[in-house]
Structure formats: C-alpha cells, structure tokens
C-alpha atoms as a PDB file:
ATOM      1  CA  MET A   1       1.520 -19.998   7.185  1.00  0.00           C
ATOM      2  CA  ASN A   2       3.097 -17.453   4.841  1.00  0.00           C
ATOM      3  CA  VAL A   3       0.955 -16.943   1.747  1.00  0.00           C
ATOM      4  CA  ILE A   4       3.665 -14.800   0.111  1.00  0.00           C
ATOM      5  CA  GLU A   5       7.419 -15.190   0.588  1.00  0.00           C
ATOM      6  CA  ILE A   6       9.852 -12.880  -1.168  1.00  0.00           C
ATOM      7  CA  ASN A   7      13.569 -13.469  -0.604  1.00  0.00           C
ATOM      8  CA  ASN A   8      16.312 -11.129  -1.844  1.00  0.00           C
ATOM      9  CA  LEU A   9      14.237 -10.316  -4.923  1.00  0.00           C
ATOM     10  CA  THR A  10      16.070  -8.090  -7.388  1.00  0.00           C
ATOM     11  CA  LYS A  11      14.995  -6.800 -10.776  1.00  0.00           C
ATOM     12  CA  GLN A  12      17.243  -4.594 -12.886  1.00  0.00           C
ATOM     13  CA  TYR A  13      16.332  -2.973 -16.193  1.00  0.00           C
ATOM     14  CA  GLY A  14      19.748  -2.786 -17.837  1.00  0.00           C
ATOM     15  CA  LYS A  15      21.521   0.028 -16.032  1.00  0.00           C
ATOM     16  CA  SER A  16      18.238   1.310 -14.571  1.00  0.00           C
ATOM     17  CA  ARG A  17      17.166   0.537 -11.025  1.00  0.00           C
ATOM     18  CA  GLY A  18      14.167  -1.714 -10.438  1.00  0.00           C
ATOM     19  CA  ILE A  19      14.089  -3.377  -7.021  1.00  0.00           C
ATOM     20  CA  ILE A  20      17.004  -4.470  -4.850  1.00  0.00           C
ATOM     21  CA  ASP A  21      17.038  -7.374  -2.373  1.00  0.00           C
ATOM     22  CA  VAL A  22      13.373  -7.112  -1.397  1.00  0.00           C
ATOM     23  CA  ASN A  23      12.384  -9.426   1.470  1.00  0.00           C
ATOM     24  CA  LEU A  24       8.761  -9.838   2.575  1.00  0.00           C
ATOM     25  CA  LYS A  25       6.681 -12.502   4.296  1.00  0.00           C
ATOM     26  CA  ILE A  26       2.899 -12.058   4.289  1.00  0.00           C
ATOM     27  CA  GLU A  27       0.886 -14.219   6.624  1.00  0.00           C
ATOM     28  CA  GLU A  28      -2.395 -15.945   5.865  1.00  0.00           C
ATOM     29  CA  GLY A  29      -5.411 -13.779   6.673  1.00  0.00           C
ATOM     30  CA  GLU A  30      -3.659 -10.436   7.071  1.00  0.00           C
ATOM     31  CA  ILE A  31      -4.072  -7.205   5.140  1.00  0.00           C
ATOM     32  CA  PHE A  32      -0.565  -6.080   4.278  1.00  0.00           C
ATOM     33  CA  GLY A  33       0.270  -2.575   3.072  1.00  0.00           C
ATOM     34  CA  PHE A  34       3.076  -1.906   0.599  1.00  0.00           C
ATOM     35  CA  ILE A  35       3.776   1.811   0.650  1.00  0.00           C
ATOM     36  CA  GLY A  36       5.923   4.172  -1.349  1.00  0.00           C
ATOM     37  CA  PRO A  37       5.741   7.035  -3.820  1.00  0.00           C
ATOM     38  CA  ASN A  38       5.315   6.459  -7.542  1.00  0.00           C
ATOM     39  CA  GLY A  39       8.469   4.902  -8.966  1.00  0.00           C
ATOM     40  CA  ALA A  40       9.606   3.390  -5.669  1.00  0.00           C
ATOM     41  CA  GLY A  41       9.329  -0.207  -6.949  1.00  0.00           C
ATOM     42  CA  LYS A  42       5.882  -1.338  -5.792  1.00  0.00           C
ATOM     43  CA  SER A  43       4.565  -2.466  -9.186  1.00  0.00           C
ATOM     44  CA  THR A  44       7.887  -4.059 -10.145  1.00  0.00           C
ATOM     45  CA  THR A  45       7.803  -6.139  -6.959  1.00  0.00           C
ATOM     46  CA  ILE A  46       4.232  -7.274  -7.611  1.00  0.00           C
ATOM     47  CA  ARG A  47       4.802  -8.085 -11.288  1.00  0.00           C
ATOM     48  CA  THR A  48       7.938 -10.061 -10.469  1.00  0.00           C
ATOM     49  CA  LEU A  49       6.100 -11.912  -7.691  1.00  0.00           C
ATOM     50  CA  LEU A  50       3.364 -12.868 -10.181  1.00  0.00           C
ATOM     51  CA  GLY A  51       5.859 -14.047 -12.793  1.00  0.00           C
ATOM     52  CA  LEU A  52       4.784 -11.341 -15.252  1.00  0.00           C
ATOM     53  CA  ILE A  53       8.414 -10.222 -15.429  1.00  0.00           C
ATOM     54  CA  TYR A  54      11.495 -12.298 -14.646  1.00  0.00           C
ATOM     55  CA  PRO A  55      13.694 -11.479 -11.655  1.00  0.00           C
ATOM     56  CA  THR A  56      17.374 -10.723 -12.024  1.00  0.00           C
ATOM     57  CA  SER A  57      17.977 -12.681  -8.824  1.00  0.00           C
ATOM     58  CA  GLY A  58      16.162 -13.859  -5.717  1.00  0.00           C
ATOM     59  CA  THR A  59      12.946 -15.830  -5.288  1.00  0.00           C
ATOM     60  CA  ALA A  60       9.235 -15.162  -4.781  1.00  0.00           C
ATOM     61  CA  THR A  61       6.510 -17.678  -4.003  1.00  0.00           C
ATOM     62  CA  ILE A  62       2.729 -17.691  -3.542  1.00  0.00           C
ATOM     63  CA  PHE A  63       1.314 -20.568  -1.458  1.00  0.00           C
ATOM     64  CA  GLY A  64       4.830 -22.012  -1.571  1.00  0.00           C
ATOM     65  CA  LYS A  65       5.005 -22.049  -5.386  1.00  0.00           C
ATOM     66  CA  ASN A  66       6.855 -19.934  -7.913  1.00  0.00           C
ATOM     67  CA  CYS A  67       4.432 -18.385 -10.427  1.00  0.00           C
ATOM     68  CA  ILE A  68       6.829 -18.829 -13.359  1.00  0.00           C
ATOM     69  CA  GLU A  69       7.350 -22.558 -12.731  1.00  0.00           C
ATOM     70  CA  ASN A  70       3.808 -23.159 -11.443  1.00  0.00           C
ATOM     71  CA  PRO A  71       1.464 -20.750 -13.274  1.00  0.00           C
ATOM     72  CA  GLU A  72      -1.577 -22.700 -12.013  1.00  0.00           C
ATOM     73  CA  VAL A  73      -1.100 -21.025  -8.616  1.00  0.00           C
ATOM     74  CA  ARG A  74      -2.625 -17.886 -10.140  1.00  0.00           C
ATOM     75  CA  GLN A  75      -5.996 -19.676 -10.079  1.00  0.00           C
ATOM     76  CA  SER A  76      -6.110 -18.978  -6.341  1.00  0.00           C
ATOM     77  CA  LEU A  77      -5.418 -15.260  -6.509  1.00  0.00           C
ATOM     78  CA  GLY A  78      -7.117 -12.117  -7.729  1.00  0.00           C
ATOM     79  CA  TYR A  79      -4.957  -9.335  -9.162  1.00  0.00           C
ATOM     80  CA  LEU A  80      -5.853  -5.717  -9.844  1.00  0.00           C
ATOM     81  CA  PRO A  81      -3.034  -3.917 -11.698  1.00  0.00           C
ATOM     82  CA  SER A  82      -2.451  -0.201 -11.327  1.00  0.00           C
ATOM     83  CA  GLU A  83      -3.623   0.318 -14.912  1.00  0.00           C
ATOM     84  CA  VAL A  84      -6.279  -1.758 -16.649  1.00  0.00           C
ATOM     85  CA  PHE A  85      -6.625  -2.269 -20.414  1.00  0.00           C
ATOM     86  CA  TYR A  86      -9.393  -4.126 -22.225  1.00  0.00           C
ATOM     87  CA  TYR A  87     -10.818  -4.857 -25.669  1.00  0.00           C
ATOM     88  CA  ASP A  88     -12.906  -1.740 -26.252  1.00  0.00           C
ATOM     89  CA  ASN A  89     -15.664  -3.337 -28.320  1.00  0.00           C
ATOM     90  CA  MET A  90     -16.621  -5.910 -25.691  1.00  0.00           C
ATOM     91  CA  LYS A  91     -19.508  -5.383 -23.311  1.00  0.00           C
ATOM     92  CA  VAL A  92     -18.631  -5.430 -19.624  1.00  0.00           C
ATOM     93  CA  ILE A  93     -20.697  -8.559 -18.950  1.00  0.00           C
ATOM     94  CA  ASP A  94     -19.069 -10.420 -21.869  1.00  0.00           C
ATOM     95  CA  LEU A  95     -15.594  -9.528 -20.622  1.00  0.00           C
ATOM     96  CA  LEU A  96     -16.400 -10.696 -17.104  1.00  0.00           C
ATOM     97  CA  LYS A  97     -17.980 -13.944 -18.327  1.00  0.00           C
ATOM     98  CA  TYR A  98     -14.864 -14.558 -20.416  1.00  0.00           C
ATOM     99  CA  SER A  99     -12.693 -13.969 -17.338  1.00  0.00           C
ATOM    100  CA  ALA A 100     -14.902 -16.304 -15.294  1.00  0.00           C
ATOM    101  CA  SER A 101     -14.474 -19.070 -17.882  1.00  0.00           C
ATOM    102  CA  PHE A 102     -10.900 -19.592 -16.683  1.00  0.00           C
ATOM    103  CA  TYR A 103     -12.149 -20.807 -13.294  1.00  0.00           C
ATOM    104  CA  LYS A 104     -13.861 -24.098 -12.537  1.00  0.00           C
ATOM    105  CA  LYS A 105     -16.973 -22.560 -10.978  1.00  0.00           C
ATOM    106  CA  ASP A 106     -20.102 -20.661 -11.929  1.00  0.00           C
ATOM    107  CA  CYS A 107     -19.397 -16.993 -11.203  1.00  0.00           C
ATOM    108  CA  THR A 108     -22.578 -15.502 -12.713  1.00  0.00           C
ATOM    109  CA  LYS A 109     -24.265 -14.668  -9.401  1.00  0.00           C
ATOM    110  CA  ARG A 110     -21.026 -13.329  -7.982  1.00  0.00           C
ATOM    111  CA  ILE A 111     -20.500 -11.025 -10.978  1.00  0.00           C
ATOM    112  CA  HIS A 112     -23.912  -9.440 -10.507  1.00  0.00           C
ATOM    113  CA  GLU A 113     -23.404  -9.057  -6.744  1.00  0.00           C
ATOM    114  CA  LEU A 114     -20.068  -7.295  -7.211  1.00  0.00           C
ATOM    115  CA  ALA A 115     -21.400  -5.107 -10.027  1.00  0.00           C
ATOM    116  CA  GLU A 116     -24.226  -3.946  -7.772  1.00  0.00           C
ATOM    117  CA  ILE A 117     -21.835  -3.118  -4.931  1.00  0.00           C
ATOM    118  CA  MET A 118     -19.544  -1.135  -7.240  1.00  0.00           C
ATOM    119  CA  ASP A 119     -22.418   0.455  -9.209  1.00  0.00           C
ATOM    120  CA  LEU A 120     -21.119  -0.973 -12.477  1.00  0.00           C
ATOM    121  CA  ASP A 121     -23.318  -1.108 -15.593  1.00  0.00           C
ATOM    122  CA  LEU A 122     -22.751  -4.567 -17.080  1.00  0.00           C
ATOM    123  CA  LYS A 123     -24.476  -3.702 -20.363  1.00  0.00           C
ATOM    124  CA  LYS A 124     -22.089  -0.934 -21.410  1.00  0.00           C
ATOM    125  CA  LYS A 125     -19.210  -1.363 -23.837  1.00  0.00           C
ATOM    126  CA  ILE A 126     -15.705  -1.004 -22.429  1.00  0.00           C
ATOM    127  CA  ASP A 127     -15.045   1.835 -24.889  1.00  0.00           C
ATOM    128  CA  ASP A 128     -17.840   3.892 -23.319  1.00  0.00           C
ATOM    129  CA  LEU A 129     -16.503   3.651 -19.785  1.00  0.00           C
ATOM    130  CA  SER A 130     -14.595   6.340 -17.896  1.00  0.00           C
ATOM    131  CA  PHE A 131     -11.236   5.520 -16.305  1.00  0.00           C
ATOM    132  CA  GLY A 132     -12.956   5.078 -12.934  1.00  0.00           C
ATOM    133  CA  ASN A 133     -15.531   2.665 -14.339  1.00  0.00           C
ATOM    134  CA  LYS A 134     -12.796   0.656 -16.052  1.00  0.00           C
ATOM    135  CA  LYS A 135     -11.159   0.372 -12.641  1.00  0.00           C
ATOM    136  CA  LYS A 136     -14.472  -0.990 -11.307  1.00  0.00           C
ATOM    137  CA  VAL A 137     -14.388  -3.645 -14.034  1.00  0.00           C
ATOM    138  CA  GLY A 138     -10.892  -4.579 -12.839  1.00  0.00           C
ATOM    139  CA  ILE A 139     -12.112  -4.872  -9.253  1.00  0.00           C
ATOM    140  CA  VAL A 140     -14.998  -7.170 -10.222  1.00  0.00           C
ATOM    141  CA  GLN A 141     -12.706  -9.170 -12.497  1.00  0.00           C
ATOM    142  CA  GLY A 142     -10.192  -9.667  -9.690  1.00  0.00           C
ATOM    143  CA  LEU A 143     -12.771 -10.798  -7.129  1.00  0.00           C
ATOM    144  CA  LEU A 144     -15.365 -12.750  -9.142  1.00  0.00           C
ATOM    145  CA  HIS A 145     -13.815 -16.148  -8.364  1.00  0.00           C
ATOM    146  CA  GLU A 146     -13.503 -15.437  -4.590  1.00  0.00           C
ATOM    147  CA  PRO A 147      -9.695 -15.759  -4.490  1.00  0.00           C
ATOM    148  CA  LYS A 148      -7.750 -16.806  -1.403  1.00  0.00           C
ATOM    149  CA  LEU A 149      -5.177 -14.089  -2.100  1.00  0.00           C
ATOM    150  CA  ILE A 150      -6.030 -10.601  -3.344  1.00  0.00           C
ATOM    151  CA  ILE A 151      -3.209  -8.470  -4.790  1.00  0.00           C
ATOM    152  CA  LEU A 152      -4.112  -4.810  -5.324  1.00  0.00           C
ATOM    153  CA  ASP A 153      -1.760  -2.361  -7.027  1.00  0.00           C
ATOM    154  CA  GLU A 154      -2.903   1.257  -6.482  1.00  0.00           C
ATOM    155  CA  PRO A 155      -6.537   0.043  -6.493  1.00  0.00           C
ATOM    156  CA  THR A 156      -8.444   3.273  -5.843  1.00  0.00           C
ATOM    157  CA  SER A 157      -7.022   5.549  -8.540  1.00  0.00           C
ATOM    158  CA  GLY A 158      -9.953   6.860 -10.591  1.00  0.00           C
ATOM    159  CA  LEU A 159     -12.593   5.976  -7.996  1.00  0.00           C
ATOM    160  CA  ASP A 160     -14.646   8.736  -6.410  1.00  0.00           C
ATOM    161  CA  PRO A 161     -14.767   8.884  -2.564  1.00  0.00           C
ATOM    162  CA  LEU A 162     -18.056   6.969  -2.341  1.00  0.00           C
ATOM    163  CA  MET A 163     -16.740   4.145  -4.514  1.00  0.00           C
ATOM    164  CA  GLN A 164     -13.480   4.104  -2.560  1.00  0.00           C
ATOM    165  CA  GLN A 165     -15.429   3.552   0.644  1.00  0.00           C
ATOM    166  CA  ARG A 166     -17.496   0.764  -0.936  1.00  0.00           C
ATOM    167  CA  PHE A 167     -14.308  -0.810  -2.223  1.00  0.00           C
ATOM    168  CA  PHE A 168     -12.676  -0.756   1.227  1.00  0.00           C
ATOM    169  CA  GLU A 169     -15.785  -2.322   2.770  1.00  0.00           C
ATOM    170  CA  LEU A 170     -15.766  -4.999   0.073  1.00  0.00           C
ATOM    171  CA  ILE A 171     -12.105  -5.854   0.681  1.00  0.00           C
ATOM    172  CA  LYS A 172     -12.672  -6.023   4.440  1.00  0.00           C
ATOM    173  CA  GLU A 173     -15.538  -8.469   3.863  1.00  0.00           C
ATOM    174  CA  GLU A 174     -13.340 -10.657   1.666  1.00  0.00           C
ATOM    175  CA  ASN A 175     -10.679 -10.593   4.369  1.00  0.00           C
ATOM    176  CA  LYS A 176     -13.251 -11.637   7.004  1.00  0.00           C
ATOM    177  CA  LYS A 177     -14.104 -14.604   4.777  1.00  0.00           C
ATOM    178  CA  GLY A 178     -10.444 -15.653   4.888  1.00  0.00           C
ATOM    179  CA  ALA A 179      -8.750 -13.893   1.986  1.00  0.00           C
ATOM    180  CA  THR A 180      -5.227 -12.541   2.430  1.00  0.00           C
ATOM    181  CA  VAL A 181      -4.744  -9.051   0.982  1.00  0.00           C
ATOM    182  CA  PHE A 182      -1.529  -7.517  -0.383  1.00  0.00           C
ATOM    183  CA  PHE A 183      -2.273  -3.856  -0.902  1.00  0.00           C
ATOM    184  CA  SER A 184       0.031  -1.405  -2.695  1.00  0.00           C
ATOM    185  CA  SER A 185      -0.584   2.328  -2.400  1.00  0.00           C
ATOM    186  CA  HIS A 186       1.037   5.745  -2.229  1.00  0.00           C
ATOM    187  CA  ILE A 187      -1.993   7.105  -0.343  1.00  0.00           C
ATOM    188  CA  LEU A 188      -1.142   6.736   3.307  1.00  0.00           C
ATOM    189  CA  GLY A 189      -4.672   7.286   4.617  1.00  0.00           C
ATOM    190  CA  GLU A 190      -5.812   4.141   2.777  1.00  0.00           C
ATOM    191  CA  VAL A 191      -3.177   2.050   4.493  1.00  0.00           C
ATOM    192  CA  GLN A 192      -4.002   3.540   7.854  1.00  0.00           C
ATOM    193  CA  LYS A 193      -7.631   2.397   7.443  1.00  0.00           C
ATOM    194  CA  MET A 194      -6.969  -1.047   6.055  1.00  0.00           C
ATOM    195  CA  CYS A 195      -3.741  -2.742   7.012  1.00  0.00           C
ATOM    196  CA  ASP A 196      -2.335  -4.907   9.808  1.00  0.00           C
ATOM    197  CA  ARG A 197       1.301  -4.455   8.821  1.00  0.00           C
ATOM    198  CA  VAL A 198       3.071  -2.133   6.438  1.00  0.00           C
ATOM    199  CA  ALA A 199       6.351  -2.096   4.514  1.00  0.00           C
ATOM    200  CA  PHE A 200       7.889   1.148   3.271  1.00  0.00           C
ATOM    201  CA  ILE A 201       9.786   0.976  -0.022  1.00  0.00           C
ATOM    202  CA  LYS A 202      12.123   3.689  -1.313  1.00  0.00           C
ATOM    203  CA  ASP A 203      14.348   3.603  -4.409  1.00  0.00           C
ATOM    204  CA  GLY A 204      13.686  -0.114  -4.847  1.00  0.00           C
ATOM    205  CA  LYS A 205      14.622  -1.063  -1.274  1.00  0.00           C
ATOM    206  CA  ILE A 206      12.517  -1.906   1.770  1.00  0.00           C
ATOM    207  CA  ILE A 207      13.453   0.670   4.391  1.00  0.00           C
ATOM    208  CA  LYS A 208      11.035  -0.378   7.149  1.00  0.00           C
ATOM    209  CA  LEU A 209       8.550  -3.126   7.968  1.00  0.00           C
ATOM    210  CA  GLU A 210       6.291  -2.549  10.937  1.00  0.00           C
ATOM    211  CA  LYS A 211       2.981  -3.434  12.545  1.00  0.00           C
ATOM    212  CA  MET A 212       0.440  -0.667  12.043  1.00  0.00           C
ATOM    213  CA  SER A 213      -0.269  -0.635  15.773  1.00  0.00           C
ATOM    214  CA  THR A 214       3.422  -0.100  16.495  1.00  0.00           C
ATOM    215  CA  LEU A 215       3.636   2.806  14.078  1.00  0.00           C
ATOM    216  CA  GLN A 216       0.839   4.536  15.915  1.00  0.00           C
ATOM    217  CA  GLU A 217       2.057   3.866  19.448  1.00  0.00           C
ATOM    218  CA  ASN A 218       3.114   6.639  21.773  1.00  0.00           C
ATOM    219  CA  ASN A 219       6.817   6.491  20.948  1.00  0.00           C
ATOM    220  CA  TYR A 220       6.103   8.982  18.138  1.00  0.00           C
ATOM    221  CA  LYS A 221       5.214  12.556  19.055  1.00  0.00           C
ATOM    222  CA  LYS A 222       4.408  15.581  16.921  1.00  0.00           C
ATOM    223  CA  ILE A 223       5.755  18.592  18.797  1.00  0.00           C
ATOM    224  CA  SER A 224       5.138  22.245  18.060  1.00  0.00           C
ATOM    225  CA  ILE A 225       6.757  24.985  20.118  1.00  0.00           C
ATOM    226  CA  GLU A 226       6.695  28.753  20.249  1.00  0.00           C
ATOM    227  CA  ALA A 227       9.653  30.508  21.885  1.00  0.00           C
ATOM    228  CA  LYS A 228       9.924  34.010  23.279  1.00  0.00           C
ATOM    229  CA  SER A 229      12.980  34.533  21.052  1.00  0.00           C
ATOM    230  CA  GLY A 230      14.258  32.930  17.818  1.00  0.00           C
ATOM    231  CA  ILE A 231      14.774  29.167  17.480  1.00  0.00           C
ATOM    232  CA  LYS A 232      17.903  27.811  15.784  1.00  0.00           C
ATOM    233  CA  LYS A 233      17.577  24.602  13.791  1.00  0.00           C
ATOM    234  CA  ASP A 234      20.941  23.268  14.937  1.00  0.00           C
ATOM    235  CA  GLU A 235      19.692  23.343  18.526  1.00  0.00           C
ATOM    236  CA  PHE A 236      17.564  20.299  17.642  1.00  0.00           C
ATOM    237  CA  ASN A 237      20.196  18.330  15.781  1.00  0.00           C
ATOM    238  CA  ILE A 238      19.687  15.395  18.149  1.00  0.00           C
ATOM    239  CA  SER A 239      18.757  11.738  17.751  1.00  0.00           C
ATOM    240  CA  GLY A 240      15.051  11.093  17.215  1.00  0.00           C
ATOM    241  CA  VAL A 241      14.164  14.468  15.692  1.00  0.00           C
ATOM    242  CA  SER A 242      12.969  14.597  12.077  1.00  0.00           C
ATOM    243  CA  ASN A 243      10.776  16.708   9.798  1.00  0.00           C
ATOM    244  CA  PHE A 244      12.060  19.802  11.598  1.00  0.00           C
ATOM    245  CA  SER A 245      10.768  23.121  10.317  1.00  0.00           C
ATOM    246  CA  VAL A 246      11.182  26.579  11.838  1.00  0.00           C
ATOM    247  CA  GLU A 247       9.772  29.970  11.044  1.00  0.00           C
ATOM    248  CA  GLY A 248      10.756  32.773  13.354  1.00  0.00           C
ATOM    249  CA  ASN A 249       9.826  31.834  16.896  1.00  0.00           C
ATOM    250  CA  ILE A 250       7.734  28.783  15.916  1.00  0.00           C
ATOM    251  CA  ALA A 251       9.096  25.284  15.219  1.00  0.00           C
ATOM    252  CA  SER A 252       7.560  21.851  14.666  1.00  0.00           C
ATOM    253  CA  PHE A 253       9.028  18.373  14.346  1.00  0.00           C
ATOM    254  CA  ILE A 254       8.464  14.637  14.830  1.00  0.00           C
ATOM    255  CA  PHE A 255      10.209  12.991  17.759  1.00  0.00           C
ATOM    256  CA  ARG A 256      10.747   9.311  18.403  1.00  0.00           C
ATOM    257  CA  GLY A 257      12.640   8.119  21.440  1.00  0.00           C
ATOM    258  CA  ASN A 258      12.966   8.706  25.154  1.00  0.00           C
ATOM    259  CA  VAL A 259      10.760  11.671  26.010  1.00  0.00           C
ATOM    260  CA  ASN A 260      13.145  12.704  28.785  1.00  0.00           C
ATOM    261  CA  SER A 261      15.816  13.606  26.247  1.00  0.00           C
ATOM    262  CA  ILE A 262      13.520  15.954  24.320  1.00  0.00           C
ATOM    263  CA  THR A 263      12.002  17.508  27.446  1.00  0.00           C
ATOM    264  CA  LYS A 264      15.510  18.243  28.689  1.00  0.00           C
ATOM    265  CA  LYS A 265      16.238  20.052  25.421  1.00  0.00           C
ATOM    266  CA  LEU A 266      12.957  21.965  25.594  1.00  0.00           C
ATOM    267  CA  SER A 267      13.687  23.051  29.169  1.00  0.00           C
ATOM    268  CA  GLU A 268      16.672  25.003  27.833  1.00  0.00           C
ATOM    269  CA  ILE A 269      14.377  27.201  25.719  1.00  0.00           C
ATOM    270  CA  ASP A 270      12.228  30.048  27.037  1.00  0.00           C
ATOM    271  CA  LEU A 271       8.867  28.827  25.669  1.00  0.00           C
ATOM    272  CA  SER A 272       5.620  30.739  25.374  1.00  0.00           C
ATOM    273  CA  ASN A 273       3.622  27.775  24.037  1.00  0.00           C
ATOM    274  CA  ILE A 274       3.932  24.038  23.343  1.00  0.00           C
ATOM    275  CA  SER A 275       1.746  21.385  21.689  1.00  0.00           C
ATOM    276  CA  ILE A 276       2.382  17.614  21.811  1.00  0.00           C
ATOM    277  CA  GLU A 277       0.138  15.222  19.884  1.00  0.00           C
ATOM    278  CA  GLU A 278       0.093  11.931  18.002  1.00  0.00           C
ATOM    279  CA  PRO A 279       1.306  12.236  14.404  1.00  0.00           C
ATOM    280  CA  ASP A 280      -0.678  10.676  11.583  1.00  0.00           C
ATOM    281  CA  LEU A 281       0.779   7.917   9.427  1.00  0.00           C
ATOM    282  CA  GLU A 282       1.888  10.338   6.703  1.00  0.00           C
ATOM    283  CA  GLU A 283       4.088  12.202   9.146  1.00  0.00           C
ATOM    284  CA  ILE A 284       5.516   8.926  10.469  1.00  0.00           C
ATOM    285  CA  PHE A 285       6.152   7.853   6.886  1.00  0.00           C
ATOM    286  CA  MET A 286       8.109  11.037   6.161  1.00  0.00           C
ATOM    287  CA  HIS A 287      10.103  10.394   9.327  1.00  0.00           C
ATOM    288  CA  TYR A 288      11.399   7.172   7.781  1.00  0.00           C
ATOM    289  CA  TYR A 289      11.995   8.725   4.374  1.00  0.00           C
ATOM    290  CA  ASN A 290      13.913  11.682   5.741  1.00  0.00           C
ATOM    291  CA  LYS A 291      15.919   9.430   8.032  1.00  0.00           C
ATOM    292  CA  GLU A 292      17.104   7.409   5.031  1.00  0.00           C
ATOM    293  CA  ASP A 293      18.081  10.426   2.900  1.00  0.00           C
END
C-alpha cells in the first residue's frame, strides 16, 4: 500500500520556479528520504502534498485522499515544518494540550513521555525558548497523537548532536510501531542513517530515486591516483567518471560502471600509488548533481 502518492505535481509562483512534475510513491512502513539543497523544492512539495498551498497541476494523496478535498486525513499524520512559530505568551504544556485537543484521544501521558525524551521543559513560556527548544516543541507536537504518517521537513535544524541522536532513535521507534516516515533534509549523513529509499531533487525536479542499499553497493568507487608525471583532466573524460579533481600528479574521482573500463584507462598511466574505496552518500549525491549540470 502506498501511503503517499504524488503524480506530476507542479507548483509555480508566477514566473518563479517551484516544483515541476514531481512523482513519488511512498510505501507503508518505510522511512523515505527527500534530499536536496536549500531551495531545491523540498518544502514546496511537502506543503503542496499537505494542501497548505494549491498545486498548479498534478495530484497528491495521503492514504488515498487529497488533503484539500479531505482535510480530515491530516488527523492521521504528524507534521514538523522546517520553521516553527507559536504564540509567545503560552506555556509549552498549554500549547501541547491545545494541540492534543484536536485529536479524539487523551495525549497527556504521551506528551510527558516525549518531553522527557527530548529534554523539554513543559513549564516554560514559548517566548523564553531558544530556537532549538522551539524545534523540540514542534517534534512533541507532531508526535503526541501517535500518527500513522510522520512528515519531517528539515527536522534537526537547531538541535544539538545529543538531541539529534535522541530524535533519530525516537523516529526509529515510531517506525518500528508501524509509522511511515517522509523525511526531508539537506544533511546527507542523516539520510544515510535513517532511510530505506531516497529521492534527489534539484531545481524543482526529481533527478534520481533509489534504494539506499543500491546507492551504497559496489558499483560506485572512489578512486585516488598518484602518477609519476602530470595527469591531464581530459584523459578521464569517459563515461562513469564524475567529481574529477586534479592537482599536479594527484587526481581523485568517483566512478560508476564496469570496473574493466576504468582499469584499462589506469593501465595507460605510469602510477606510483592508487587508492580505491567506497564513497559516502555525499559523494554519491554530488555524482548525480554534477551529472545533471
């Protein structure tokens, strides 16, 4: 079952680019990563999916329903926006109780459990909280009703490393209990830790959708070489090579493809040293971005 289905979703802001023909299907129970730099279209996609802004064309559904036509579907999801804003004079506990009042269940115990995990002081006023603590409020607010779908837009901005780790553990626990997670980020290490599949978005368009395991398989290699004489960049203008950099007699690059083709090329060079290793997700990510430039 697909919890989220997005088909040819487009949002234009006058003459400005928003998102263009975005297509995604997110399966029940998976943690799905939505990756791209700031301004790539991640938040626009999420806000259009949730019916917070209207699409120019295309469709988006959650549990088979459009959020604009069926706003009640939002009862089953928890949403953490990239930026959170609250009434400053309210106490944290009052805000969370108010949020809980929209759901047909007693969330009091759950609020206190989540606040303890995230080290959130429920007695403080919103106005007295740092940006990171306001983000904690957003996390508790998004999870207090134990949603079936959790949508997170840049969730860890403002959190210190300890709180980030607690947050990841919390999300993994919710996923184990059956929640589907749609997770937007520009921090590739987060996605590498968390997600089953990942979609790369650039300039409003999806440029790649892949299983995390596939991204990290052996068909990608990070190669560094040192030659006994100078290396020319155009010597490596071959299919599968990206992120090529050269300084004097030392060059490095990412290679994807048949290893025989790159070893044949390397055999033509008088090498003094070579290193071949698995690239991390960030380097794979840049491979896709550079390939689309």
